[in-house]
Amino acid sequence: MKLVIIESPFAGDRQRNIEYAQKCMHDCLMRNEAPYASHLLYTQENVLDDDIPSERKLGIEAGFAWKHLPNVLTVFYTDLGWSSGMKLAAEYCVDNNLKFETRKLYAKENL
């Protein structure tokens, strides 16, 4: 299985964005990939609070650390657009010469 880091929106409509990220994880698994979504893990109750800037920064940095694993691919799911965190992750990938790609789950009319 290929290791995949999922990047998708979190802030804003959190319930919608969490459900979307879960569907992204399902998509990866159906592709025989092993997905990781730090924004689903680190933002859980009793872990980090995304509304506290220092904790959000810590979560982003911890998520970025995983991008340096050998043979890992970062995948940006873009049906809901690009959040500020996703844009930051894309810049990080480019600046560090890390592999990434974009995907969509839905045709535009199915959103």
Protein backbone atom coordinates (compact mmCIF):
# COMPACT_ATOMS: atom_id res chain seq x y z
CA MET A 1 0.00 0.00 0.00
CA LYS A 2 1.12 3.51 -0.81
CA LEU A 3 1.24 5.97 2.10
CA VAL A 4 -0.96 9.01 1.46
CA ILE A 5 -1.38 12.21 3.46
CA ILE A 6 -4.79 13.79 2.93
CA GLU A 7 -5.17 17.55 2.74
CA SER A 8 -8.75 18.85 2.73
CA PRO A 9 -10.57 21.78 4.37
CA PHE A 10 -11.23 21.72 8.11
CA ALA A 11 -12.20 25.22 9.32
CA GLY A 12 -15.54 26.76 8.48
CA ASP A 13 -18.35 24.22 8.25
CA ARG A 14 -16.48 21.68 10.35
CA GLN A 15 -19.12 18.95 10.29
CA ARG A 16 -19.33 19.06 6.48
CA ASN A 17 -15.53 19.21 6.20
CA ILE A 18 -15.00 16.29 8.59
CA GLU A 19 -17.49 14.16 6.65
CA TYR A 20 -15.76 15.14 3.41
CA ALA A 21 -12.33 14.20 4.82
CA GLN A 22 -13.74 10.84 5.92
CA LYS A 23 -14.96 10.27 2.35
CA CYS A 24 -11.49 11.20 1.12
CA MET A 25 -10.03 8.56 3.43
CA HIS A 26 -12.48 6.03 1.98
CA ASP A 27 -11.42 7.03 -1.55
CA CYS A 28 -7.77 6.42 -0.66
CA LEU A 29 -8.52 3.04 0.89
CA MET A 30 -10.43 2.00 -2.23
CA ARG A 31 -7.30 2.91 -4.21
CA ASN A 32 -5.32 0.50 -1.99
CA GLU A 33 -3.64 3.41 -0.21
CA ALA A 34 -3.00 3.89 3.51
CA PRO A 35 -4.34 7.41 4.26
CA TYR A 36 -3.40 9.75 7.08
CA ALA A 37 -5.35 12.93 7.87
CA SER A 38 -3.72 14.92 10.65
CA HIS A 39 -6.58 17.44 10.66
CA LEU A 40 -8.98 14.65 11.67
CA LEU A 41 -6.64 13.26 14.34
CA TYR A 42 -5.11 16.32 15.96
CA THR A 43 -8.33 18.32 16.19
CA GLN A 44 -10.15 15.73 18.27
CA GLU A 45 -11.30 16.73 21.74
CA ASN A 46 -8.48 16.54 24.29
CA VAL A 47 -5.77 16.67 21.61
CA LEU A 48 -5.42 20.18 20.09
CA ASP A 49 -7.82 23.10 19.73
CA ASP A 50 -7.79 24.48 16.18
CA ASP A 51 -9.26 27.75 17.48
CA ILE A 52 -6.14 28.46 19.58
CA PRO A 53 -3.49 29.82 17.16
CA SER A 54 -0.52 28.25 18.96
CA GLU A 55 -2.21 24.83 19.02
CA ARG A 56 -3.25 25.14 15.36
CA LYS A 57 0.37 25.95 14.46
CA LEU A 58 1.61 22.96 16.45
CA GLY A 59 -0.86 20.66 14.69
CA ILE A 60 0.16 21.96 11.26
CA GLU A 61 3.85 21.46 12.05
CA ALA A 62 3.21 17.93 13.36
CA GLY A 63 1.27 17.10 10.21
CA PHE A 64 4.03 18.47 8.00
CA ALA A 65 6.58 16.24 9.75
CA TRP A 66 4.82 13.19 8.26
CA LYS A 67 5.35 14.52 4.74
CA HIS A 68 9.06 13.64 4.96
CA LEU A 69 8.49 9.91 5.27
CA PRO A 70 9.98 8.00 2.34
CA ASN A 71 7.53 7.14 -0.45
CA VAL A 72 4.68 9.24 0.93
CA LEU A 73 2.36 11.20 -1.36
CA THR A 74 0.37 14.26 -0.26
CA VAL A 75 -3.06 14.39 -1.89
CA PHE A 76 -5.11 17.58 -1.99
CA TYR A 77 -8.84 16.91 -2.29
CA THR A 78 -10.27 20.07 -3.82
CA ASP A 79 -14.03 19.60 -4.30
CA LEU A 80 -14.64 22.14 -1.49
CA GLY A 81 -11.89 24.51 -2.62
CA TRP A 82 -8.52 25.35 -1.09
CA SER A 83 -8.44 26.35 2.58
CA SER A 84 -5.64 28.50 4.00
CA GLY A 85 -4.18 25.36 5.61
CA MET A 86 -4.23 23.50 2.30
CA LYS A 87 -2.49 26.40 0.57
CA LEU A 88 0.15 26.41 3.29
CA ALA A 89 0.63 22.65 2.84
CA ALA A 90 0.98 23.04 -0.94
CA GLU A 91 3.63 25.74 -0.47
CA TYR A 92 5.41 23.45 1.99
CA CYS A 93 5.41 20.60 -0.53
CA VAL A 94 6.79 22.84 -3.28
CA ASP A 95 9.42 24.43 -1.01
CA ASN A 96 10.60 21.00 0.18
CA ASN A 97 10.39 19.25 -3.20
CA LEU A 98 7.79 16.76 -1.89
CA LYS A 99 5.46 14.71 -4.11
CA PHE A 100 1.81 15.77 -4.27
CA GLU A 101 -1.25 15.62 -6.47
CA THR A 102 -4.81 16.97 -6.52
CA ARG A 103 -7.98 14.90 -6.64
CA LYS A 104 -11.73 15.40 -6.69
CA LEU A 105 -14.35 13.02 -5.35
CA TYR A 106 -17.31 14.43 -7.25
CA ALA A 107 -18.33 15.79 -10.58
CA LYS A 108 -19.17 19.49 -10.14
CA GLU A 109 -22.93 18.91 -10.36
CA ASN A 110 -22.85 16.37 -7.48
CA LEU A 111 -21.60 18.77 -4.79
